Each structure stands twice: as C-alpha cells, then as structure tokens.
Amino acid sequence: MNILIIDDEPLIHISIERLIHDYSKAITVYHAYDGREMQTLLQSHDFLLAYVDIRLPGIPGLESIRLAKEIAPYTIYYIMTGFDKFEYAKEAIRLKVEDYLMKPLDYETIKNTIE
C-alpha cells in the first residue's frame, strides 16, 4: 500500500510518516513538497490515499487535488490545514475531498483515515 504526503514543511513529512509507520510498517510513504511533484508521483505510482496541505508553493493544495483527480481518480484525498476557514472547507467539499484534517495530525486521525 502506498500513501503520499504533500506538504512544503519537512517536519510535517517526518511526523506523518512516523505516525503511518506506527500504524503499519507495510505501508510505503512517498513525499512531495509542492503540487508539481504531487502530479509527477501520481502519474508514476498508485496511491491508496494522499494527505495534501492546503497551502503549497506554486499550485495551491485544492487546485492540486482538482488536477490530481484527473490523473488518479481512485486515490482518496485528505486536505490538511492549520486554518479553519469556511471557504477552504466549502471548496474541499466541492472537490469531494474525503475529509478536512486539522494539523497537527495525530495517531488516531492517521489510523482512522487509513482504515
């Protein structure tokens, strides 16, 4: 099983990957630091799910998900944010994002999203 983390902050990658591996060592974690890297990885790998930061350099997170759904429509997308803004949540719903997760993510959130 492959999971993709998209965030421009390396510490976020490290903490989420640790939580994923606490849940299961059998999961392969891939990393993208912006929307372009995300698109490239989606073209070359199959992912069960992707955790996407709402604020990314270049292509913003919600736009990255819109583009990603054309490449990988069966991947489950979760938006991550430290911002509790209604406009973001509304757009995430329109894009049929699985859930709107508030940072920092914890073990229970990771477990529930994977299951």
N, C-alpha and C. Protein backbone atom coordinates (compact mmCIF):
# COMPACT_ATOMS: atom_id res chain seq x y z
N MET A 1 0.84 -1.17 0.00
CA MET A 1 0.00 0.00 0.00
C MET A 1 0.89 1.23 0.00
N ASN A 2 0.54 2.20 -0.85
CA ASN A 2 1.28 3.45 -0.97
C ASN A 2 0.44 4.62 -0.47
N ILE A 3 1.10 5.51 0.27
CA ILE A 3 0.48 6.74 0.75
C ILE A 3 1.39 7.90 0.36
N LEU A 4 0.77 9.00 -0.06
CA LEU A 4 1.51 10.19 -0.49
C LEU A 4 1.25 11.33 0.49
N ILE A 5 2.32 11.99 0.92
CA ILE A 5 2.23 13.18 1.77
C ILE A 5 2.70 14.36 0.95
N ILE A 6 1.86 15.40 0.88
CA ILE A 6 2.21 16.60 0.14
C ILE A 6 2.17 17.79 1.09
N ASP A 7 3.33 18.34 1.38
CA ASP A 7 3.44 19.48 2.28
C ASP A 7 4.79 20.12 2.02
N ASP A 8 4.89 21.42 2.19
CA ASP A 8 6.17 22.10 1.95
C ASP A 8 7.05 22.14 3.20
N GLU A 9 6.58 21.59 4.31
CA GLU A 9 7.36 21.60 5.55
C GLU A 9 7.90 20.19 5.85
N PRO A 10 9.24 20.02 5.80
CA PRO A 10 9.83 18.70 6.03
C PRO A 10 9.43 18.07 7.37
N LEU A 11 9.28 18.87 8.43
CA LEU A 11 8.91 18.30 9.73
C LEU A 11 7.52 17.66 9.71
N ILE A 12 6.62 18.21 8.90
CA ILE A 12 5.29 17.62 8.75
C ILE A 12 5.43 16.24 8.12
N HIS A 13 6.26 16.13 7.10
CA HIS A 13 6.50 14.84 6.44
C HIS A 13 7.00 13.81 7.45
N ILE A 14 7.98 14.21 8.23
CA ILE A 14 8.58 13.29 9.20
C ILE A 14 7.54 12.84 10.22
N SER A 15 6.76 13.77 10.76
CA SER A 15 5.80 13.39 11.80
C SER A 15 4.69 12.51 11.25
N ILE A 16 4.19 12.81 10.06
CA ILE A 16 3.13 11.97 9.49
C ILE A 16 3.66 10.60 9.12
N GLU A 17 4.84 10.55 8.55
CA GLU A 17 5.42 9.25 8.19
C GLU A 17 5.61 8.38 9.44
N ARG A 18 6.07 8.97 10.52
CA ARG A 18 6.22 8.20 11.77
C ARG A 18 4.88 7.66 12.25
N LEU A 19 3.84 8.48 12.19
CA LEU A 19 2.51 8.03 12.60
C LEU A 19 2.01 6.90 11.71
N ILE A 20 2.25 7.02 10.41
CA ILE A 20 1.85 5.96 9.48
C ILE A 20 2.59 4.67 9.80
N HIS A 21 3.88 4.75 10.04
CA HIS A 21 4.66 3.55 10.34
C HIS A 21 4.37 2.99 11.74
N ASP A 22 3.91 3.84 12.65
CA ASP A 22 3.42 3.32 13.93
C ASP A 22 2.18 2.46 13.71
N TYR A 23 1.40 2.84 12.71
CA TYR A 23 0.20 2.08 12.37
C TYR A 23 0.56 0.79 11.63
N SER A 24 1.46 0.89 10.64
CA SER A 24 1.86 -0.29 9.87
C SER A 24 3.19 -0.03 9.17
N LYS A 25 4.12 -0.93 9.35
CA LYS A 25 5.42 -0.83 8.67
C LYS A 25 5.29 -1.26 7.21
N ALA A 26 4.18 -1.89 6.84
CA ALA A 26 3.98 -2.40 5.48
C ALA A 26 3.58 -1.31 4.49
N ILE A 27 3.37 -0.11 4.96
CA ILE A 27 2.95 0.99 4.09
C ILE A 27 4.19 1.72 3.57
N THR A 28 4.20 1.96 2.27
CA THR A 28 5.27 2.75 1.66
C THR A 28 4.80 4.20 1.57
N VAL A 29 5.62 5.10 2.09
CA VAL A 29 5.27 6.52 2.12
C VAL A 29 6.12 7.26 1.10
N TYR A 30 5.45 8.05 0.28
CA TYR A 30 6.10 8.91 -0.71
C TYR A 30 5.90 10.35 -0.29
N HIS A 31 6.81 11.22 -0.76
CA HIS A 31 6.78 12.62 -0.35
C HIS A 31 6.82 13.55 -1.57
N ALA A 32 5.98 14.58 -1.52
CA ALA A 32 6.03 15.67 -2.49
C ALA A 32 5.98 16.97 -1.70
N TYR A 33 6.72 17.95 -2.16
CA TYR A 33 6.81 19.22 -1.44
C TYR A 33 6.05 20.36 -2.12
N ASP A 34 5.45 20.06 -3.28
CA ASP A 34 4.61 21.03 -3.95
C ASP A 34 3.67 20.29 -4.90
N GLY A 35 2.77 21.04 -5.51
CA GLY A 35 1.76 20.43 -6.37
C GLY A 35 2.32 19.77 -7.61
N ARG A 36 3.40 20.31 -8.15
CA ARG A 36 4.01 19.70 -9.35
C ARG A 36 4.61 18.33 -9.03
N GLU A 37 5.31 18.24 -7.92
CA GLU A 37 5.86 16.94 -7.51
C GLU A 37 4.73 15.94 -7.28
N MET A 38 3.64 16.42 -6.69
CA MET A 38 2.47 15.57 -6.45
C MET A 38 1.96 14.99 -7.77
N GLN A 39 1.80 15.83 -8.78
CA GLN A 39 1.29 15.38 -10.07
C GLN A 39 2.23 14.33 -10.68
N THR A 40 3.54 14.56 -10.59
CA THR A 40 4.52 13.63 -11.13
C THR A 40 4.42 12.27 -10.45
N LEU A 41 4.34 12.26 -9.12
CA LEU A 41 4.25 10.99 -8.40
C LEU A 41 2.94 10.26 -8.70
N LEU A 42 1.86 10.99 -8.84
CA LEU A 42 0.57 10.36 -9.15
C LEU A 42 0.58 9.71 -10.53
N GLN A 43 1.38 10.23 -11.44
CA GLN A 43 1.48 9.65 -12.78
C GLN A 43 2.28 8.35 -12.79
N SER A 44 3.15 8.18 -11.81
CA SER A 44 4.04 7.02 -11.83
C SER A 44 3.77 5.98 -10.75
N HIS A 45 2.85 6.24 -9.82
CA HIS A 45 2.55 5.31 -8.74
C HIS A 45 1.05 5.30 -8.47
N ASP A 46 0.59 4.19 -7.90
CA ASP A 46 -0.79 4.11 -7.43
C ASP A 46 -0.79 4.35 -5.93
N PHE A 47 -1.65 5.25 -5.47
CA PHE A 47 -1.73 5.58 -4.05
C PHE A 47 -3.13 5.28 -3.52
N LEU A 48 -3.17 4.67 -2.33
CA LEU A 48 -4.44 4.48 -1.67
C LEU A 48 -5.00 5.83 -1.26
N LEU A 49 -4.13 6.65 -0.64
CA LEU A 49 -4.58 7.95 -0.20
C LEU A 49 -3.45 8.97 -0.23
N ALA A 50 -3.86 10.23 -0.18
CA ALA A 50 -2.90 11.34 -0.18
C ALA A 50 -3.34 12.36 0.85
N TYR A 51 -2.39 12.79 1.67
CA TYR A 51 -2.60 13.89 2.62
C TYR A 51 -2.02 15.14 1.96
N VAL A 52 -2.86 16.12 1.67
CA VAL A 52 -2.44 17.29 0.91
C VAL A 52 -2.60 18.56 1.75
N ASP A 53 -1.50 19.29 1.92
CA ASP A 53 -1.57 20.57 2.62
C ASP A 53 -2.35 21.56 1.77
N ILE A 54 -3.13 22.38 2.41
CA ILE A 54 -3.96 23.35 1.68
C ILE A 54 -3.11 24.48 1.10
N ARG A 55 -2.00 24.82 1.76
CA ARG A 55 -1.12 25.89 1.28
C ARG A 55 0.18 25.28 0.79
N LEU A 56 0.35 25.27 -0.51
CA LEU A 56 1.56 24.74 -1.14
C LEU A 56 2.17 25.81 -2.03
N PRO A 57 3.49 25.80 -2.20
CA PRO A 57 4.09 26.73 -3.15
C PRO A 57 3.69 26.36 -4.57
N GLY A 58 3.56 27.34 -5.43
CA GLY A 58 3.16 27.07 -6.81
C GLY A 58 1.67 26.81 -6.89
N ILE A 59 1.30 25.56 -7.12
CA ILE A 59 -0.10 25.18 -7.24
C ILE A 59 -0.67 24.95 -5.85
N PRO A 60 -1.67 25.73 -5.41
CA PRO A 60 -2.26 25.53 -4.07
C PRO A 60 -2.85 24.11 -3.92
N GLY A 61 -3.01 23.70 -2.67
CA GLY A 61 -3.46 22.35 -2.37
C GLY A 61 -4.78 21.96 -3.01
N LEU A 62 -5.79 22.81 -2.93
CA LEU A 62 -7.09 22.46 -3.50
C LEU A 62 -7.02 22.36 -5.03
N GLU A 63 -6.28 23.24 -5.66
CA GLU A 63 -6.09 23.15 -7.11
C GLU A 63 -5.29 21.90 -7.46
N SER A 64 -4.31 21.56 -6.64
CA SER A 64 -3.53 20.34 -6.86
C SER A 64 -4.42 19.10 -6.81
N ILE A 65 -5.36 19.10 -5.89
CA ILE A 65 -6.29 17.97 -5.80
C ILE A 65 -7.19 17.92 -7.02
N ARG A 66 -7.67 19.07 -7.47
CA ARG A 66 -8.52 19.09 -8.67
C ARG A 66 -7.78 18.47 -9.85
N LEU A 67 -6.52 18.86 -10.05
CA LEU A 67 -5.71 18.30 -11.13
C LEU A 67 -5.40 16.82 -10.89
N ALA A 68 -5.14 16.48 -9.65
CA ALA A 68 -4.79 15.10 -9.30
C ALA A 68 -5.94 14.13 -9.59
N LYS A 69 -7.15 14.57 -9.37
CA LYS A 69 -8.31 13.71 -9.60
C LYS A 69 -8.44 13.32 -11.07
N GLU A 70 -7.88 14.10 -11.97
CA GLU A 70 -7.86 13.75 -13.39
C GLU A 70 -6.85 12.64 -13.65
N ILE A 71 -5.75 12.63 -12.90
CA ILE A 71 -4.69 11.64 -13.06
C ILE A 71 -4.99 10.38 -12.27
N ALA A 72 -5.43 10.55 -11.03
CA ALA A 72 -5.63 9.44 -10.09
C ALA A 72 -7.00 9.58 -9.41
N PRO A 73 -8.08 9.28 -10.13
CA PRO A 73 -9.41 9.48 -9.57
C PRO A 73 -9.77 8.54 -8.42
N TYR A 74 -9.06 7.43 -8.28
CA TYR A 74 -9.40 6.46 -7.23
C TYR A 74 -8.61 6.66 -5.95
N THR A 75 -7.66 7.57 -5.97
CA THR A 75 -6.93 7.91 -4.75
C THR A 75 -7.87 8.69 -3.84
N ILE A 76 -7.79 8.42 -2.54
CA ILE A 76 -8.59 9.13 -1.55
C ILE A 76 -7.77 10.33 -1.09
N TYR A 77 -8.33 11.53 -1.19
CA TYR A 77 -7.61 12.75 -0.85
C TYR A 77 -8.12 13.34 0.46
N TYR A 78 -7.16 13.68 1.33
CA TYR A 78 -7.44 14.38 2.58
C TYR A 78 -6.72 15.71 2.54
N ILE A 79 -7.42 16.78 2.84
CA ILE A 79 -6.79 18.09 2.90
C ILE A 79 -6.31 18.31 4.34
N MET A 80 -5.11 18.84 4.50
CA MET A 80 -4.57 19.16 5.83
C MET A 80 -4.39 20.66 5.91
N THR A 81 -4.70 21.19 7.07
CA THR A 81 -4.53 22.63 7.23
C THR A 81 -4.42 23.01 8.69
N GLY A 82 -3.83 24.13 8.92
CA GLY A 82 -3.83 24.74 10.23
C GLY A 82 -4.83 25.88 10.27
N PHE A 83 -5.56 26.05 9.16
CA PHE A 83 -6.51 27.16 9.02
C PHE A 83 -7.94 26.63 9.01
N ASP A 84 -8.75 27.14 9.88
CA ASP A 84 -10.14 26.73 9.99
C ASP A 84 -11.02 27.76 9.27
N LYS A 85 -10.90 27.79 7.94
CA LYS A 85 -11.64 28.77 7.14
C LYS A 85 -12.76 28.07 6.37
N PHE A 86 -13.93 28.64 6.44
CA PHE A 86 -15.09 28.06 5.78
C PHE A 86 -14.90 27.96 4.26
N GLU A 87 -14.25 28.94 3.65
CA GLU A 87 -14.06 28.91 2.19
C GLU A 87 -13.27 27.68 1.77
N TYR A 88 -12.24 27.33 2.56
CA TYR A 88 -11.44 26.15 2.25
C TYR A 88 -12.28 24.88 2.37
N ALA A 89 -13.03 24.78 3.44
CA ALA A 89 -13.87 23.61 3.66
C ALA A 89 -14.91 23.47 2.55
N LYS A 90 -15.50 24.58 2.16
CA LYS A 90 -16.51 24.58 1.10
C LYS A 90 -15.91 24.08 -0.22
N GLU A 91 -14.74 24.56 -0.58
CA GLU A 91 -14.08 24.13 -1.80
C GLU A 91 -13.67 22.66 -1.71
N ALA A 92 -13.20 22.22 -0.55
CA ALA A 92 -12.83 20.81 -0.35
C ALA A 92 -14.04 19.91 -0.56
N ILE A 93 -15.19 20.32 -0.07
CA ILE A 93 -16.42 19.54 -0.26
C ILE A 93 -16.78 19.47 -1.74
N ARG A 94 -16.67 20.59 -2.42
CA ARG A 94 -16.98 20.62 -3.85
C ARG A 94 -16.09 19.66 -4.64
N LEU A 95 -14.83 19.54 -4.21
CA LEU A 95 -13.89 18.63 -4.87
C LEU A 95 -14.05 17.18 -4.40
N LYS A 96 -14.96 16.96 -3.49
CA LYS A 96 -15.21 15.62 -2.93
C LYS A 96 -13.98 15.06 -2.22
N VAL A 97 -13.30 15.94 -1.50
CA VAL A 97 -12.18 15.52 -0.65
C VAL A 97 -12.79 14.68 0.48
N GLU A 98 -12.10 13.63 0.86
CA GLU A 98 -12.64 12.71 1.87
C GLU A 98 -12.89 13.39 3.21
N ASP A 99 -11.92 14.22 3.64
CA ASP A 99 -12.09 14.91 4.92
C ASP A 99 -11.14 16.10 4.98
N TYR A 100 -11.43 16.98 5.91
CA TYR A 100 -10.70 18.22 6.13
C TYR A 100 -10.02 18.05 7.48
N LEU A 101 -8.72 17.79 7.49
CA LEU A 101 -8.00 17.46 8.72
C LEU A 101 -7.23 18.67 9.24
N MET A 102 -7.35 18.89 10.54
CA MET A 102 -6.63 19.99 11.16
C MET A 102 -5.25 19.50 11.64
N LYS A 103 -4.22 20.27 11.33
CA LYS A 103 -2.87 19.98 11.82
C LYS A 103 -2.77 20.40 13.27
N PRO A 104 -1.92 19.78 14.05
CA PRO A 104 -1.12 18.62 13.70
C PRO A 104 -1.95 17.34 13.73
N LEU A 105 -1.66 16.45 12.79
CA LEU A 105 -2.35 15.16 12.77
C LEU A 105 -1.85 14.30 13.92
N ASP A 106 -2.72 13.44 14.42
CA ASP A 106 -2.32 12.52 15.50
C ASP A 106 -2.54 11.08 15.05
N TYR A 107 -2.13 10.14 15.90
CA TYR A 107 -2.20 8.72 15.56
C TYR A 107 -3.63 8.28 15.24
N GLU A 108 -4.60 8.70 16.02
CA GLU A 108 -5.99 8.29 15.79
C GLU A 108 -6.49 8.77 14.43
N THR A 109 -6.12 9.97 14.06
CA THR A 109 -6.52 10.50 12.75
C THR A 109 -5.92 9.67 11.63
N ILE A 110 -4.63 9.38 11.75
CA ILE A 110 -3.96 8.56 10.73
C ILE A 110 -4.61 7.18 10.66
N LYS A 111 -4.80 6.55 11.81
CA LYS A 111 -5.42 5.22 11.87
C LYS A 111 -6.80 5.23 11.21
N ASN A 112 -7.61 6.20 11.55
CA ASN A 112 -8.97 6.27 11.01
C ASN A 112 -8.99 6.52 9.52
N THR A 113 -8.08 7.34 9.04
CA THR A 113 -8.07 7.63 7.59
C THR A 113 -7.58 6.42 6.80
N ILE A 114 -6.63 5.67 7.31
CA ILE A 114 -6.13 4.50 6.61
C ILE A 114 -7.16 3.38 6.63
N GLU A 115 -7.81 3.22 7.76
CA GLU A 115 -8.81 2.14 7.86
C GLU A 115 -10.04 2.48 7.04
